[in-house]
Amino acid sequence: MQTSAMHPATTTSARDRQLRSFVIAWLGITLMMGALAFTGIYYATGRDSSDGSGMSVSAVPSIDTNRAEAAAPDQVAFDPNTIDATQVPVAETRQLNAPAVEAESPAPQQDGSPNNSTVLAAPANPDRGGSAAQDATPVPTPTLPPVQETGFQLGVQVQANPDPAIYSIWMGEVRDKLKLKWIKQQVRWEDVEPAPGQYEWGALDVTFAQAAEYGVNVMVSVVTAPDWAREQGARLDEVGPPANSQTYANFIATMMYRYPGQIHAVEVWNEMNLDREWASVNGLSAQNYVTLLQTTYNTIKMVD
């Protein structure tokens, strides 16, 4: 009985053909998917940029000139008197009368510790006064929440820079080349408020002035508590959360009063699931972050 074996050259040739066919098919699928993705992004951003109707800015609240009292010994209620009115941009300065903001006494948590969630009470409707020119100032409409804003939008993070010329170049890249309407601006709390009540607004003044000029919406991402606000015993060579959530919320409220209608979204901390961003004596804790989120959310909504 005779048997025959396939020649090695024939086997190699068949494998080569199969490999080439696989590579060609894979490249074709990859190129097709890439083209579809590019087309989808281009269409979405092109439609959004040609729309011409940017997101509206947030409503500008009235600034209360009365001091809010602390609700508990370890609570620090937001104090509008810490704002230096002479440093607020002239175009954004308003003289509006509003009733006092009263502090509420939050109920203690189940473990008996103070609840940091709500300290400030929402002010009543202000009795708007002032000159005819002030009364004629148009009131911007609120930014639409994501569930109502159905248009697809992209954003890019931009590094803060105190030089208006450099930041203007970046804004040109964002608006004119990338065709975007949103930027994310990281705000390092430790740099802006190195000591309690002492602020370094220079870089942020440039950010908001340039963003407003270019019609770009701003989401601030507020991180890195300063040493004076950290937990007792925390490692100060690493960044982490404050000892009191309300202190963090008060800083954001101060920033929102300084830049009324120019902050369109707030990211409460960043990468709180990483110990290098959340160096706390209590370790990584979802519960502690949610407390920070709740406190900040309530304070922001009372301001704007």
Protein backbone atom coordinates (compact mmCIF):
# COMPACT_ATOMS: atom_id res chain seq x y z
CA MET A 1 0.00 0.00 0.00
CA GLN A 2 1.45 3.31 -1.03
CA THR A 3 1.13 6.53 0.96
CA SER A 4 1.94 10.05 -0.04
CA ALA A 5 3.06 12.99 2.14
CA MET A 6 2.43 16.68 1.42
CA HIS A 7 5.57 18.44 0.38
CA PRO A 8 6.87 20.87 3.07
CA ALA A 9 6.94 23.73 0.56
CA THR A 10 3.27 23.19 -0.19
CA THR A 11 2.39 23.30 3.55
CA THR A 12 4.35 26.51 4.08
CA SER A 13 2.75 28.14 1.06
CA ALA A 14 -0.76 27.31 2.34
CA ARG A 15 0.04 28.76 5.78
CA ASP A 16 1.41 31.91 4.22
CA ARG A 17 -1.76 32.38 2.19
CA GLN A 18 -3.91 31.89 5.28
CA LEU A 19 -1.81 34.35 7.27
CA ARG A 20 -1.96 36.95 4.51
CA SER A 21 -5.71 36.54 4.22
CA PHE A 22 -6.12 36.98 7.99
CA VAL A 23 -3.92 40.09 8.07
CA ILE A 24 -5.76 41.66 5.12
CA ALA A 25 -9.13 40.94 6.69
CA TRP A 26 -8.00 42.32 10.06
CA LEU A 27 -6.61 45.49 8.51
CA GLY A 28 -9.79 46.00 6.55
CA ILE A 29 -11.97 45.68 9.64
CA THR A 30 -9.68 48.01 11.65
CA LEU A 31 -9.66 50.67 8.95
CA MET A 32 -13.43 50.46 8.54
CA MET A 33 -14.04 50.81 12.30
CA GLY A 34 -11.59 53.72 12.49
CA ALA A 35 -13.30 55.48 9.60
CA LEU A 36 -16.72 55.01 11.19
CA ALA A 37 -15.50 56.32 14.55
CA PHE A 38 -13.83 59.34 12.94
CA THR A 39 -16.94 60.10 10.89
CA GLY A 40 -19.16 59.85 13.96
CA ILE A 41 -16.98 62.18 16.05
CA TYR A 42 -16.54 64.64 13.20
CA TYR A 43 -20.27 64.75 12.54
CA ALA A 44 -21.12 65.17 16.22
CA THR A 45 -18.61 67.92 16.92
CA GLY A 46 -19.21 69.61 13.57
CA ARG A 47 -22.96 69.73 14.17
CA ASP A 48 -22.36 71.02 17.69
CA SER A 49 -19.93 73.74 16.63
CA SER A 50 -22.08 74.91 13.72
CA ASP A 51 -25.05 75.15 16.00
CA GLY A 52 -23.96 78.56 17.29
CA SER A 53 -26.04 78.31 20.42
CA GLY A 54 -23.63 77.64 23.26
CA MET A 55 -24.66 76.48 26.68
CA SER A 56 -26.15 79.24 28.81
CA VAL A 57 -24.26 80.38 31.87
CA SER A 58 -25.46 79.75 35.36
CA ALA A 59 -27.73 82.20 37.11
CA VAL A 60 -25.89 84.82 39.15
CA PRO A 61 -26.92 84.78 42.80
CA SER A 62 -27.12 87.75 45.15
CA ILE A 63 -24.20 88.14 47.50
CA ASP A 64 -25.19 88.26 51.15
CA THR A 65 -23.25 90.75 53.24
CA ASN A 66 -24.11 89.19 56.59
CA ARG A 67 -22.01 86.59 58.36
CA ALA A 68 -23.35 83.06 58.65
CA GLU A 69 -22.87 81.54 62.08
CA ALA A 70 -21.40 78.10 62.61
CA ALA A 71 -23.87 75.31 63.24
CA ALA A 72 -21.56 73.30 65.47
CA PRO A 73 -18.15 73.87 67.12
CA ASP A 74 -16.32 71.95 64.38
CA GLN A 75 -18.34 73.44 61.54
CA VAL A 76 -17.15 76.47 59.62
CA ALA A 77 -20.07 78.11 57.81
CA PHE A 78 -19.42 80.00 54.60
CA ASP A 79 -18.60 83.65 55.27
CA PRO A 80 -19.23 86.00 52.31
CA ASN A 81 -17.29 88.73 54.11
CA THR A 82 -14.08 86.92 53.20
CA ILE A 83 -14.60 88.05 49.60
CA ASP A 84 -12.57 91.09 48.62
CA ALA A 85 -15.07 93.00 46.50
CA THR A 86 -12.32 95.20 45.08
CA GLN A 87 -10.80 92.15 43.39
CA VAL A 88 -13.96 91.03 41.64
CA PRO A 89 -13.88 91.87 37.88
CA VAL A 90 -15.73 95.13 37.29
CA ALA A 91 -17.95 93.66 34.60
CA GLU A 92 -19.23 91.04 37.03
CA THR A 93 -19.67 93.27 40.11
CA ARG A 94 -23.24 93.62 41.32
CA GLN A 95 -24.80 95.47 44.24
CA LEU A 96 -27.82 93.41 45.19
CA ASN A 97 -29.58 93.32 48.53
CA ALA A 98 -30.36 89.94 50.03
CA PRO A 99 -31.53 88.65 53.41
CA ALA A 100 -29.11 87.03 55.80
CA VAL A 101 -28.09 83.44 55.25
CA GLU A 102 -28.86 81.49 58.37
CA ALA A 103 -27.01 78.40 59.52
CA GLU A 104 -28.87 75.21 60.25
CA SER A 105 -27.95 72.71 62.96
CA PRO A 106 -27.45 69.39 61.18
CA ALA A 107 -28.57 66.20 62.86
CA PRO A 108 -25.72 63.99 64.12
CA GLN A 109 -24.82 60.86 62.24
CA GLN A 110 -25.52 57.40 63.60
CA ASP A 111 -22.08 57.15 65.18
CA GLY A 112 -22.66 60.42 67.06
CA SER A 113 -20.22 62.46 64.98
CA PRO A 114 -21.33 65.81 63.52
CA ASN A 115 -23.03 65.74 60.16
CA ASN A 116 -21.18 67.91 57.65
CA SER A 117 -23.90 67.70 55.05
CA THR A 118 -25.85 70.96 55.30
CA VAL A 119 -24.75 74.14 57.03
CA LEU A 120 -26.02 76.99 54.91
CA ALA A 121 -29.71 77.74 54.47
CA ALA A 122 -30.95 78.77 51.05
CA PRO A 123 -31.71 82.53 50.98
CA ALA A 124 -35.18 83.81 50.23
CA ASN A 125 -35.94 85.78 47.08
CA PRO A 126 -33.83 88.94 47.32
CA ASP A 127 -35.26 92.42 47.11
CA ARG A 128 -33.26 93.62 44.17
CA GLY A 129 -32.24 97.22 44.47
CA GLY A 130 -29.71 99.52 42.89
CA SER A 131 -29.45 101.87 39.96
CA ALA A 132 -31.41 101.68 36.71
CA ALA A 133 -28.30 100.40 34.94
CA GLN A 134 -27.97 97.57 37.44
CA ASP A 135 -31.66 96.72 37.15
CA ALA A 136 -31.29 96.53 33.37
CA THR A 137 -28.49 93.95 33.60
CA PRO A 138 -29.73 90.76 31.89
CA VAL A 139 -29.94 87.71 34.14
CA PRO A 140 -28.38 84.65 32.48
CA THR A 141 -30.31 81.41 32.36
CA PRO A 142 -29.09 78.27 34.14
CA THR A 143 -26.84 75.76 32.42
CA LEU A 144 -28.89 72.81 31.22
CA PRO A 145 -28.25 69.57 33.15
CA PRO A 146 -26.84 66.64 31.14
CA VAL A 147 -30.19 64.84 31.05
CA GLN A 148 -31.73 67.83 29.25
CA GLU A 149 -28.79 68.76 27.03
CA THR A 150 -29.15 66.18 24.28
CA GLY A 151 -26.42 67.55 22.03
CA PHE A 152 -23.18 65.55 22.05
CA GLN A 153 -20.34 67.68 23.45
CA LEU A 154 -16.67 67.12 24.15
CA GLY A 155 -14.24 68.94 26.41
CA VAL A 156 -10.53 69.03 27.15
CA GLN A 157 -8.54 69.74 30.31
CA VAL A 158 -6.45 72.90 30.19
CA GLN A 159 -3.56 73.72 32.50
CA ALA A 160 -3.93 76.97 34.45
CA ASN A 161 -1.50 79.72 33.48
CA PRO A 162 -1.22 83.28 34.83
CA ASP A 163 -0.03 84.59 31.45
CA PRO A 164 -3.06 85.79 29.42
CA ALA A 165 -1.11 85.52 26.16
CA ILE A 166 -0.39 81.82 26.69
CA TYR A 167 -3.90 81.04 27.88
CA SER A 168 -5.33 82.87 24.88
CA ILE A 169 -3.35 80.56 22.59
CA TRP A 170 -4.81 77.54 24.41
CA MET A 171 -8.35 78.89 24.15
CA GLY A 172 -7.81 79.37 20.44
CA GLU A 173 -6.77 75.74 20.18
CA VAL A 174 -9.88 74.65 22.09
CA ARG A 175 -12.43 76.75 20.21
CA ASP A 176 -10.99 77.24 16.73
CA LYS A 177 -9.04 74.04 16.09
CA LEU A 178 -10.68 71.41 18.29
CA LYS A 179 -14.13 73.03 17.90
CA LEU A 180 -14.96 72.39 21.57
CA LYS A 181 -17.21 74.35 23.93
CA TRP A 182 -16.04 72.95 27.26
CA ILE A 183 -12.80 72.91 29.22
CA LYS A 184 -11.96 71.25 32.52
CA GLN A 185 -9.84 73.50 34.73
CA GLN A 186 -8.18 71.84 37.71
CA VAL A 187 -8.22 74.06 40.79
CA ARG A 188 -5.60 73.10 43.37
CA TRP A 189 -7.11 74.39 46.58
CA GLU A 190 -3.75 74.34 48.36
CA ASP A 191 -2.35 76.81 45.81
CA VAL A 192 -5.33 79.17 45.78
CA GLU A 193 -5.86 79.35 49.57
CA PRO A 194 -2.46 78.62 51.18
CA ALA A 195 -3.66 80.10 54.48
CA PRO A 196 -7.24 80.43 55.80
CA GLY A 197 -8.91 83.40 54.09
CA GLN A 198 -5.81 84.30 52.03
CA TYR A 199 -6.34 83.76 48.30
CA GLU A 200 -4.16 83.73 45.21
CA TRP A 201 -6.66 84.23 42.38
CA GLY A 202 -4.21 85.32 39.65
CA ALA A 203 -4.25 82.21 37.44
CA LEU A 204 -8.00 81.65 37.81
CA ASP A 205 -8.71 85.29 36.95
CA VAL A 206 -6.97 84.62 33.64
CA THR A 207 -8.84 81.34 33.13
CA PHE A 208 -12.33 82.76 33.54
CA ALA A 209 -11.65 85.99 31.66
CA GLN A 210 -10.26 84.12 28.65
CA ALA A 211 -12.94 81.41 28.74
CA ALA A 212 -15.66 84.06 28.76
CA GLU A 213 -14.00 85.93 25.88
CA TYR A 214 -13.84 82.77 23.77
CA GLY A 215 -17.31 81.58 24.77
CA VAL A 216 -16.04 78.36 26.36
CA ASN A 217 -17.84 76.73 29.30
CA VAL A 218 -15.75 75.82 32.34
CA MET A 219 -15.93 72.80 34.61
CA VAL A 220 -13.73 73.22 37.68
CA SER A 221 -12.18 70.18 39.32
CA VAL A 222 -11.29 71.14 42.89
CA VAL A 223 -8.60 69.01 44.55
CA THR A 224 -5.74 68.96 47.11
CA ALA A 225 -6.72 70.36 50.49
CA PRO A 226 -4.12 72.77 51.94
CA ASP A 227 -2.10 71.62 54.94
CA TRP A 228 -4.05 73.81 57.36
CA ALA A 229 -7.31 72.06 56.38
CA ARG A 230 -6.03 68.47 56.50
CA GLU A 231 -6.87 65.81 59.06
CA GLN A 232 -4.75 65.63 62.18
CA GLY A 233 -2.04 63.04 61.63
CA ALA A 234 -2.41 63.04 57.82
CA ARG A 235 0.70 62.67 55.68
CA LEU A 236 1.27 66.18 54.39
CA ASP A 237 3.74 65.03 51.75
CA GLU A 238 0.78 63.49 49.91
CA VAL A 239 -2.43 65.16 48.77
CA GLY A 240 -5.67 64.33 50.49
CA PRO A 241 -9.11 65.47 51.68
CA PRO A 242 -9.88 68.06 54.36
CA ALA A 243 -10.74 67.22 57.94
CA ASN A 244 -14.07 69.02 57.56
CA SER A 245 -16.14 68.66 54.40
CA GLN A 246 -17.76 72.07 54.92
CA THR A 247 -14.36 73.80 54.73
CA TYR A 248 -13.95 72.42 51.21
CA ALA A 249 -17.50 73.41 50.29
CA ASN A 250 -16.93 76.93 51.63
CA PHE A 251 -13.90 77.36 49.40
CA ILE A 252 -15.94 76.42 46.34
CA ALA A 253 -18.72 78.82 47.43
CA THR A 254 -16.17 81.62 47.73
CA MET A 255 -14.91 80.85 44.23
CA MET A 256 -18.45 80.84 42.84
CA TYR A 257 -19.17 84.25 44.38
CA ARG A 258 -15.97 85.61 42.87
CA TYR A 259 -16.80 84.28 39.40
CA PRO A 260 -20.60 84.52 39.21
CA GLY A 261 -22.13 82.85 36.19
CA GLN A 262 -18.73 81.71 34.90
CA ILE A 263 -18.57 78.26 36.52
CA HIS A 264 -20.81 75.89 34.59
CA ALA A 265 -20.00 72.60 36.31
CA VAL A 266 -18.09 71.38 39.37
CA GLU A 267 -16.21 68.11 39.74
CA VAL A 268 -16.02 67.34 43.46
CA TRP A 269 -12.49 65.94 43.85
CA ASN A 270 -10.72 63.66 41.39
CA GLU A 271 -9.63 60.00 41.57
CA MET A 272 -10.82 59.62 45.14
CA ASN A 273 -10.35 55.86 44.72
CA LEU A 274 -6.54 56.24 44.60
CA ASP A 275 -4.52 56.68 47.78
CA ARG A 276 -2.13 59.08 46.04
CA GLU A 277 -5.09 61.45 45.54
CA TRP A 278 -6.96 60.64 48.77
CA ALA A 279 -4.28 60.28 51.47
CA SER A 280 -6.53 60.11 54.52
CA VAL A 281 -5.94 58.82 58.04
CA ASN A 282 -9.11 56.77 57.46
CA GLY A 283 -7.82 55.33 54.19
CA LEU A 284 -9.90 55.08 51.02
CA SER A 285 -13.53 55.41 52.07
CA ALA A 286 -16.58 55.65 49.83
CA GLN A 287 -18.65 56.82 52.81
CA ASN A 288 -16.29 59.73 53.56
CA TYR A 289 -16.26 60.79 49.91
CA VAL A 290 -20.05 60.71 49.71
CA THR A 291 -20.15 62.95 52.79
CA LEU A 292 -17.85 65.42 50.99
CA LEU A 293 -19.99 65.18 47.85
CA GLN A 294 -23.26 65.73 49.75
CA THR A 295 -21.94 68.69 51.72
CA THR A 296 -20.49 70.35 48.64
CA TYR A 297 -23.58 69.69 46.52
CA ASN A 298 -25.89 71.30 49.09
CA THR A 299 -23.62 74.34 49.47
CA ILE A 300 -23.26 74.83 45.70
CA LYS A 301 -27.02 74.67 45.18
CA MET A 302 -27.55 77.30 47.89
CA VAL A 303 -25.15 79.64 46.10
CA ASP A 304 -26.27 78.91 42.52
